[in-house]
Amino acid sequence: MFIFGTIYVDSPMKAEFMQMWIELNQKLNPEFDLLVIDSKSDRVWFNLIPGIKDIPIHVVPDGDPMPPLERGLNWIDFPDNMGHHNQNGVDGWGRAFCRGIEYAIQHDYEYVINIECDMFFGKPAMPVLNQMDKHQLNFVSTGLKYSPFPDYFMENTIMFMRTSFMRDVDFIKKYDWRKDWTKAGRAWDIPERRMETILGEEIFYKPWDGVRGHGGHAALKNTSDVQYLDYIMHAEHTKLHPQPMELYYAFMRKYMGQDWIPPSQRQ
């Protein structure tokens, strides 16, 4: 079993997110190996991520076999960056996510977990997998109200998956990250909807509480409110929160301890 996250580092903030993700998951899930799937970040930012200082970076083209995971933190990169479906109609996120599923299938893992590298999730992974095993669940996520969409949809940055199910449902082929998103219909215009269509009633929704940008974090009156959250992502600059990083730091201290110091503030 392993936890993977996709990332594209293009700023000091993203580099700090990456380091925080490593530290949080090493604290909450020490029994799991971690896999970062990069989309050709400029390596100028890597000096800001001390957690990857002494690990190899494996550049693996599409279709090539991937090396086995080593104990601890692993980093896999693409030789190119495809872009984003909102920008150029190419689903770079989908390609990276499918690589994580492919990794689990190729190396015969029973379960695979996706927690995006700019998503901070405070629940340990093993109790969720124990529940999946006990109740024979194939796919666990949570639901999210996300403006401008009027209804709830699956939070595709937190996903617990049974590998054999993802293989047998032929997820990678059906998701088809190569699809031209500029010609996609309304039901397929975001990855979450595409995944819901493929997975259907196999998705089990956990009632985790969190915020994910686009107004969701506006409900937080101050940094102490993060104590009620299970996850936080895409906190943005608003009049209420002119320094959104303080929300992330408060969330990290909830799980790492009050003496935790943000990476950008360390000597």
Protein backbone atom coordinates (compact mmCIF):
# COMPACT_ATOMS: atom_id res chain seq x y z
CA MET A 1 0.00 0.00 0.00
CA PHE A 2 1.21 3.48 -0.74
CA ILE A 3 0.04 7.09 -0.84
CA PHE A 4 0.64 9.14 -3.93
CA GLY A 5 0.07 12.76 -4.84
CA THR A 6 0.47 14.68 -8.07
CA ILE A 7 2.26 18.02 -8.18
CA TYR A 8 3.59 20.76 -10.42
CA VAL A 9 5.89 23.11 -8.52
CA ASP A 10 6.04 26.61 -10.03
CA SER A 11 6.50 28.89 -7.01
CA PRO A 12 8.01 29.03 -3.51
CA MET A 13 4.49 28.48 -2.12
CA LYS A 14 4.07 25.23 -4.05
CA ALA A 15 7.51 24.08 -2.89
CA GLU A 16 6.50 24.78 0.71
CA PHE A 17 3.24 22.87 0.17
CA MET A 18 5.25 19.91 -1.05
CA GLN A 19 7.45 19.90 2.04
CA MET A 20 4.42 20.25 4.32
CA TRP A 21 2.67 17.35 2.54
CA ILE A 22 5.72 15.15 3.09
CA GLU A 23 5.95 16.03 6.78
CA LEU A 24 2.23 15.60 7.47
CA ASN A 25 2.00 12.20 5.79
CA GLN A 26 5.19 10.94 7.37
CA LYS A 27 3.70 11.86 10.76
CA LEU A 28 0.19 10.46 10.20
CA ASN A 29 1.06 7.48 8.01
CA PRO A 30 4.57 6.27 8.91
CA GLU A 31 3.79 2.73 7.74
CA PHE A 32 3.08 3.86 4.16
CA ASP A 33 5.53 4.60 1.39
CA LEU A 34 4.96 7.96 -0.31
CA LEU A 35 5.07 8.58 -4.05
CA VAL A 36 5.17 12.05 -5.61
CA ILE A 37 4.21 12.16 -9.30
CA ASP A 38 5.64 15.33 -10.78
CA SER A 39 4.73 16.91 -14.12
CA LYS A 40 8.15 18.29 -15.07
CA SER A 41 8.56 21.01 -12.47
CA ASP A 42 11.51 23.33 -12.93
CA ARG A 43 14.16 21.92 -10.62
CA VAL A 44 15.13 25.39 -9.47
CA TRP A 45 12.39 24.92 -6.83
CA PHE A 46 13.74 21.63 -5.51
CA ASN A 47 16.22 23.36 -3.20
CA LEU A 48 13.18 24.62 -1.26
CA ILE A 49 12.02 21.04 -0.58
CA PRO A 50 14.51 19.57 1.93
CA GLY A 51 12.54 16.32 2.15
CA ILE A 52 13.69 15.28 -1.33
CA LYS A 53 17.35 16.26 -0.91
CA ASP A 54 18.69 12.72 -0.72
CA ILE A 55 16.25 10.71 -2.85
CA PRO A 56 16.57 9.83 -6.57
CA ILE A 57 14.32 11.52 -9.15
CA HIS A 58 13.13 8.97 -11.71
CA VAL A 59 12.10 10.41 -15.08
CA VAL A 60 9.78 7.83 -16.67
CA PRO A 61 8.21 8.36 -20.13
CA ASP A 62 4.64 7.18 -20.70
CA GLY A 63 4.50 3.45 -21.31
CA ASP A 64 7.87 2.65 -19.70
CA PRO A 65 8.02 0.34 -16.65
CA MET A 66 8.28 2.13 -13.34
CA PRO A 67 10.83 1.23 -10.65
CA PRO A 68 9.63 -0.43 -7.44
CA LEU A 69 8.99 1.88 -4.53
CA GLU A 70 11.74 2.23 -1.99
CA ARG A 71 10.96 2.58 1.71
CA GLY A 72 9.93 6.12 2.53
CA LEU A 73 9.62 8.90 -0.03
CA ASN A 74 9.77 8.35 -3.80
CA TRP A 75 9.67 10.83 -6.69
CA ILE A 76 8.62 10.04 -10.27
CA ASP A 77 8.74 12.68 -12.99
CA PHE A 78 7.47 12.96 -16.55
CA PRO A 79 9.89 14.08 -19.28
CA ASP A 80 7.43 16.84 -20.28
CA ASN A 81 4.55 18.92 -18.97
CA MET A 82 1.27 18.44 -20.80
CA GLY A 83 -0.63 21.39 -19.31
CA HIS A 84 -4.09 21.59 -17.76
CA HIS A 85 -7.53 20.99 -19.23
CA ASN A 86 -8.66 24.48 -18.17
CA GLN A 87 -5.74 26.06 -20.02
CA ASN A 88 -5.03 24.09 -23.17
CA GLY A 89 -7.55 21.25 -23.18
CA VAL A 90 -4.93 18.63 -22.24
CA ASP A 91 -5.54 16.72 -19.00
CA GLY A 92 -2.11 16.78 -17.36
CA TRP A 93 -3.66 16.03 -13.96
CA GLY A 94 -5.47 12.99 -15.38
CA ARG A 95 -2.25 11.69 -16.89
CA ALA A 96 -0.45 11.99 -13.54
CA PHE A 97 -3.34 10.43 -11.60
CA CYS A 98 -3.56 7.50 -14.00
CA ARG A 99 0.15 6.94 -13.53
CA GLY A 100 -0.48 6.39 -9.82
CA ILE A 101 -3.15 3.80 -10.61
CA GLU A 102 -0.86 2.21 -13.18
CA TYR A 103 1.88 2.04 -10.56
CA ALA A 104 -0.39 0.17 -8.14
CA ILE A 105 -1.49 -2.28 -10.84
CA GLN A 106 2.02 -2.82 -12.20
CA HIS A 107 3.42 -3.63 -8.75
CA ASP A 108 0.36 -5.53 -7.49
CA TYR A 109 -0.58 -3.37 -4.49
CA GLU A 110 -3.84 -4.28 -2.76
CA TYR A 111 -4.80 -0.65 -2.14
CA VAL A 112 -3.67 2.70 -3.48
CA ILE A 113 -4.37 6.10 -1.91
CA ASN A 114 -4.35 9.48 -3.61
CA ILE A 115 -3.92 12.64 -1.53
CA GLU A 116 -2.98 15.57 -3.72
CA CYS A 117 0.26 17.32 -2.81
CA ASP A 118 -1.49 20.64 -2.14
CA MET A 119 -4.26 18.93 -0.17
CA PHE A 120 -3.66 18.65 3.58
CA PHE A 121 -5.68 15.74 4.98
CA GLY A 122 -5.63 15.04 8.70
CA LYS A 123 -7.08 11.53 8.88
CA PRO A 124 -4.69 8.56 9.18
CA ALA A 125 -5.05 6.22 6.22
CA MET A 126 -5.05 2.81 7.90
CA PRO A 127 -8.47 3.08 9.64
CA VAL A 128 -10.03 3.92 6.27
CA LEU A 129 -8.44 0.87 4.65
CA ASN A 130 -9.59 -1.29 7.57
CA GLN A 131 -13.14 -0.10 6.96
CA MET A 132 -12.80 -0.85 3.25
CA ASP A 133 -11.58 -4.34 4.05
CA LYS A 134 -14.32 -5.00 6.62
CA HIS A 135 -17.17 -3.80 4.40
CA GLN A 136 -15.67 -4.80 1.03
CA LEU A 137 -15.61 -1.23 -0.25
CA ASN A 138 -13.83 -0.52 -3.52
CA PHE A 139 -13.57 3.26 -3.55
CA VAL A 140 -13.79 5.83 -0.74
CA SER A 141 -13.78 9.61 -1.04
CA THR A 142 -15.84 12.49 0.29
CA GLY A 143 -18.36 14.95 -1.13
CA LEU A 144 -17.82 18.65 -1.65
CA LYS A 145 -19.91 21.69 -2.52
CA TYR A 146 -17.77 23.55 -5.01
CA SER A 147 -18.81 26.86 -6.59
CA PRO A 148 -19.96 27.46 -9.34
CA PHE A 149 -21.47 23.97 -9.54
CA PRO A 150 -24.91 23.77 -7.87
CA ASP A 151 -24.61 20.29 -6.37
CA TYR A 152 -22.11 18.16 -4.50
CA PHE A 153 -19.48 16.14 -6.28
CA MET A 154 -16.67 13.79 -5.39
CA GLU A 155 -13.53 15.30 -3.87
CA ASN A 156 -10.99 13.85 -6.27
CA THR A 157 -8.01 15.01 -4.22
CA ILE A 158 -8.71 12.43 -1.49
CA MET A 159 -9.30 8.91 -2.81
CA PHE A 160 -8.83 5.45 -1.30
CA MET A 161 -8.99 2.71 -3.94
CA ARG A 162 -8.90 -1.06 -4.16
CA THR A 163 -6.37 -1.72 -6.92
CA SER A 164 -8.10 -4.81 -8.32
CA PHE A 165 -11.31 -2.81 -8.72
CA MET A 166 -9.57 0.01 -10.60
CA ARG A 167 -7.95 -2.61 -12.83
CA ASP A 168 -11.12 -4.63 -13.45
CA VAL A 169 -13.27 -1.59 -14.17
CA ASP A 170 -10.60 -0.60 -16.75
CA PHE A 171 -10.40 2.84 -15.22
CA ILE A 172 -7.35 4.14 -17.08
CA LYS A 173 -8.79 3.32 -20.50
CA LYS A 174 -12.23 4.66 -19.65
CA TYR A 175 -10.92 7.86 -18.10
CA ASP A 176 -8.90 8.48 -21.28
CA TRP A 177 -6.76 11.44 -20.23
CA ARG A 178 -5.81 11.96 -23.88
CA LYS A 179 -9.37 13.07 -24.65
CA ASP A 180 -9.60 16.60 -26.06
CA TRP A 181 -11.30 18.50 -23.26
CA THR A 182 -12.02 21.50 -25.48
CA LYS A 183 -14.66 19.33 -27.18
CA ALA A 184 -15.95 17.62 -24.03
CA GLY A 185 -19.61 17.72 -23.13
CA ARG A 186 -20.91 19.34 -19.94
CA ALA A 187 -21.03 16.07 -17.99
CA TRP A 188 -17.33 15.49 -18.67
CA ASP A 189 -15.95 18.99 -18.27
CA ILE A 190 -14.15 18.39 -14.96
CA PRO A 191 -12.20 15.31 -13.84
CA GLU A 192 -14.54 14.72 -10.89
CA ARG A 193 -17.55 14.27 -13.17
CA ARG A 194 -15.64 12.00 -15.49
CA MET A 195 -14.63 9.81 -12.57
CA GLU A 196 -18.12 9.72 -11.07
CA THR A 197 -19.48 8.51 -14.40
CA ILE A 198 -16.97 5.66 -14.52
CA LEU A 199 -17.16 4.59 -10.87
CA GLY A 200 -20.88 5.12 -10.29
CA GLU A 201 -22.36 3.59 -7.14
CA GLU A 202 -19.04 2.07 -6.09
CA ILE A 203 -18.04 5.42 -4.59
CA PHE A 204 -18.49 5.43 -0.81
CA TYR A 205 -18.67 8.97 0.56
CA LYS A 206 -17.19 9.66 3.99
CA PRO A 207 -18.54 12.69 5.91
CA TRP A 208 -15.18 14.44 6.24
CA ASP A 209 -15.29 18.18 6.89
CA GLY A 210 -13.05 20.52 4.97
CA VAL A 211 -12.73 23.49 2.69
CA ARG A 212 -11.45 23.77 -0.84
CA GLY A 213 -11.05 27.34 -2.08
CA HIS A 214 -13.53 29.26 -4.23
CA GLY A 215 -15.35 30.65 -1.22
CA GLY A 216 -15.39 27.51 0.90
CA HIS A 217 -12.77 28.78 3.31
CA ALA A 218 -14.67 32.06 3.76
CA ALA A 219 -16.63 30.24 6.47
CA LEU A 220 -13.47 30.24 8.60
CA LYS A 221 -13.65 33.26 10.87
CA ASN A 222 -10.09 32.90 12.14
CA THR A 223 -7.21 30.47 12.09
CA SER A 224 -8.47 28.65 15.19
CA ASP A 225 -11.45 27.39 13.15
CA VAL A 226 -9.21 24.92 11.33
CA GLN A 227 -9.40 22.70 14.43
CA TYR A 228 -12.77 21.53 13.09
CA LEU A 229 -11.43 20.58 9.66
CA ASP A 230 -10.34 17.21 8.33
CA TYR A 231 -8.76 18.79 5.25
CA ILE A 232 -7.91 22.12 3.65
CA MET A 233 -6.97 23.00 0.06
CA HIS A 234 -6.82 26.06 -2.22
CA ALA A 235 -7.28 28.64 0.50
CA GLU A 236 -7.20 31.96 -1.30
CA HIS A 237 -6.51 35.59 -0.54
CA THR A 238 -9.68 37.33 0.66
CA LYS A 239 -10.48 40.39 2.77
CA LEU A 240 -11.19 37.98 5.63
CA HIS A 241 -7.95 36.07 5.09
CA PRO A 242 -5.32 38.38 3.58
CA GLN A 243 -2.68 35.79 4.53
CA PRO A 244 -4.16 32.38 3.60
CA MET A 245 -0.91 30.56 4.39
CA GLU A 246 -1.70 31.17 8.06
CA LEU A 247 -4.72 28.87 7.63
CA TYR A 248 -2.44 26.11 6.34
CA TYR A 249 0.07 26.68 9.12
CA ALA A 250 -2.67 26.48 11.75
CA PHE A 251 -3.94 23.24 10.20
CA MET A 252 -0.44 21.76 10.25
CA ARG A 253 0.07 22.69 13.90
CA LYS A 254 -3.16 20.88 14.76
CA TYR A 255 -1.58 17.60 13.64
CA MET A 256 2.16 18.26 13.92
CA GLY A 257 2.11 20.02 17.30
CA GLN A 258 2.08 23.66 18.28
CA ASP A 259 5.88 23.86 18.11
CA TRP A 260 5.86 23.03 14.38
CA ILE A 261 7.56 25.75 12.33
CA PRO A 262 6.64 26.39 8.67
CA PRO A 263 9.48 25.38 6.30
CA SER A 264 9.81 28.92 4.93
CA GLN A 265 10.41 30.27 8.45
CA ARG A 266 13.13 27.86 9.52
CA GLN A 267 16.74 28.86 9.90
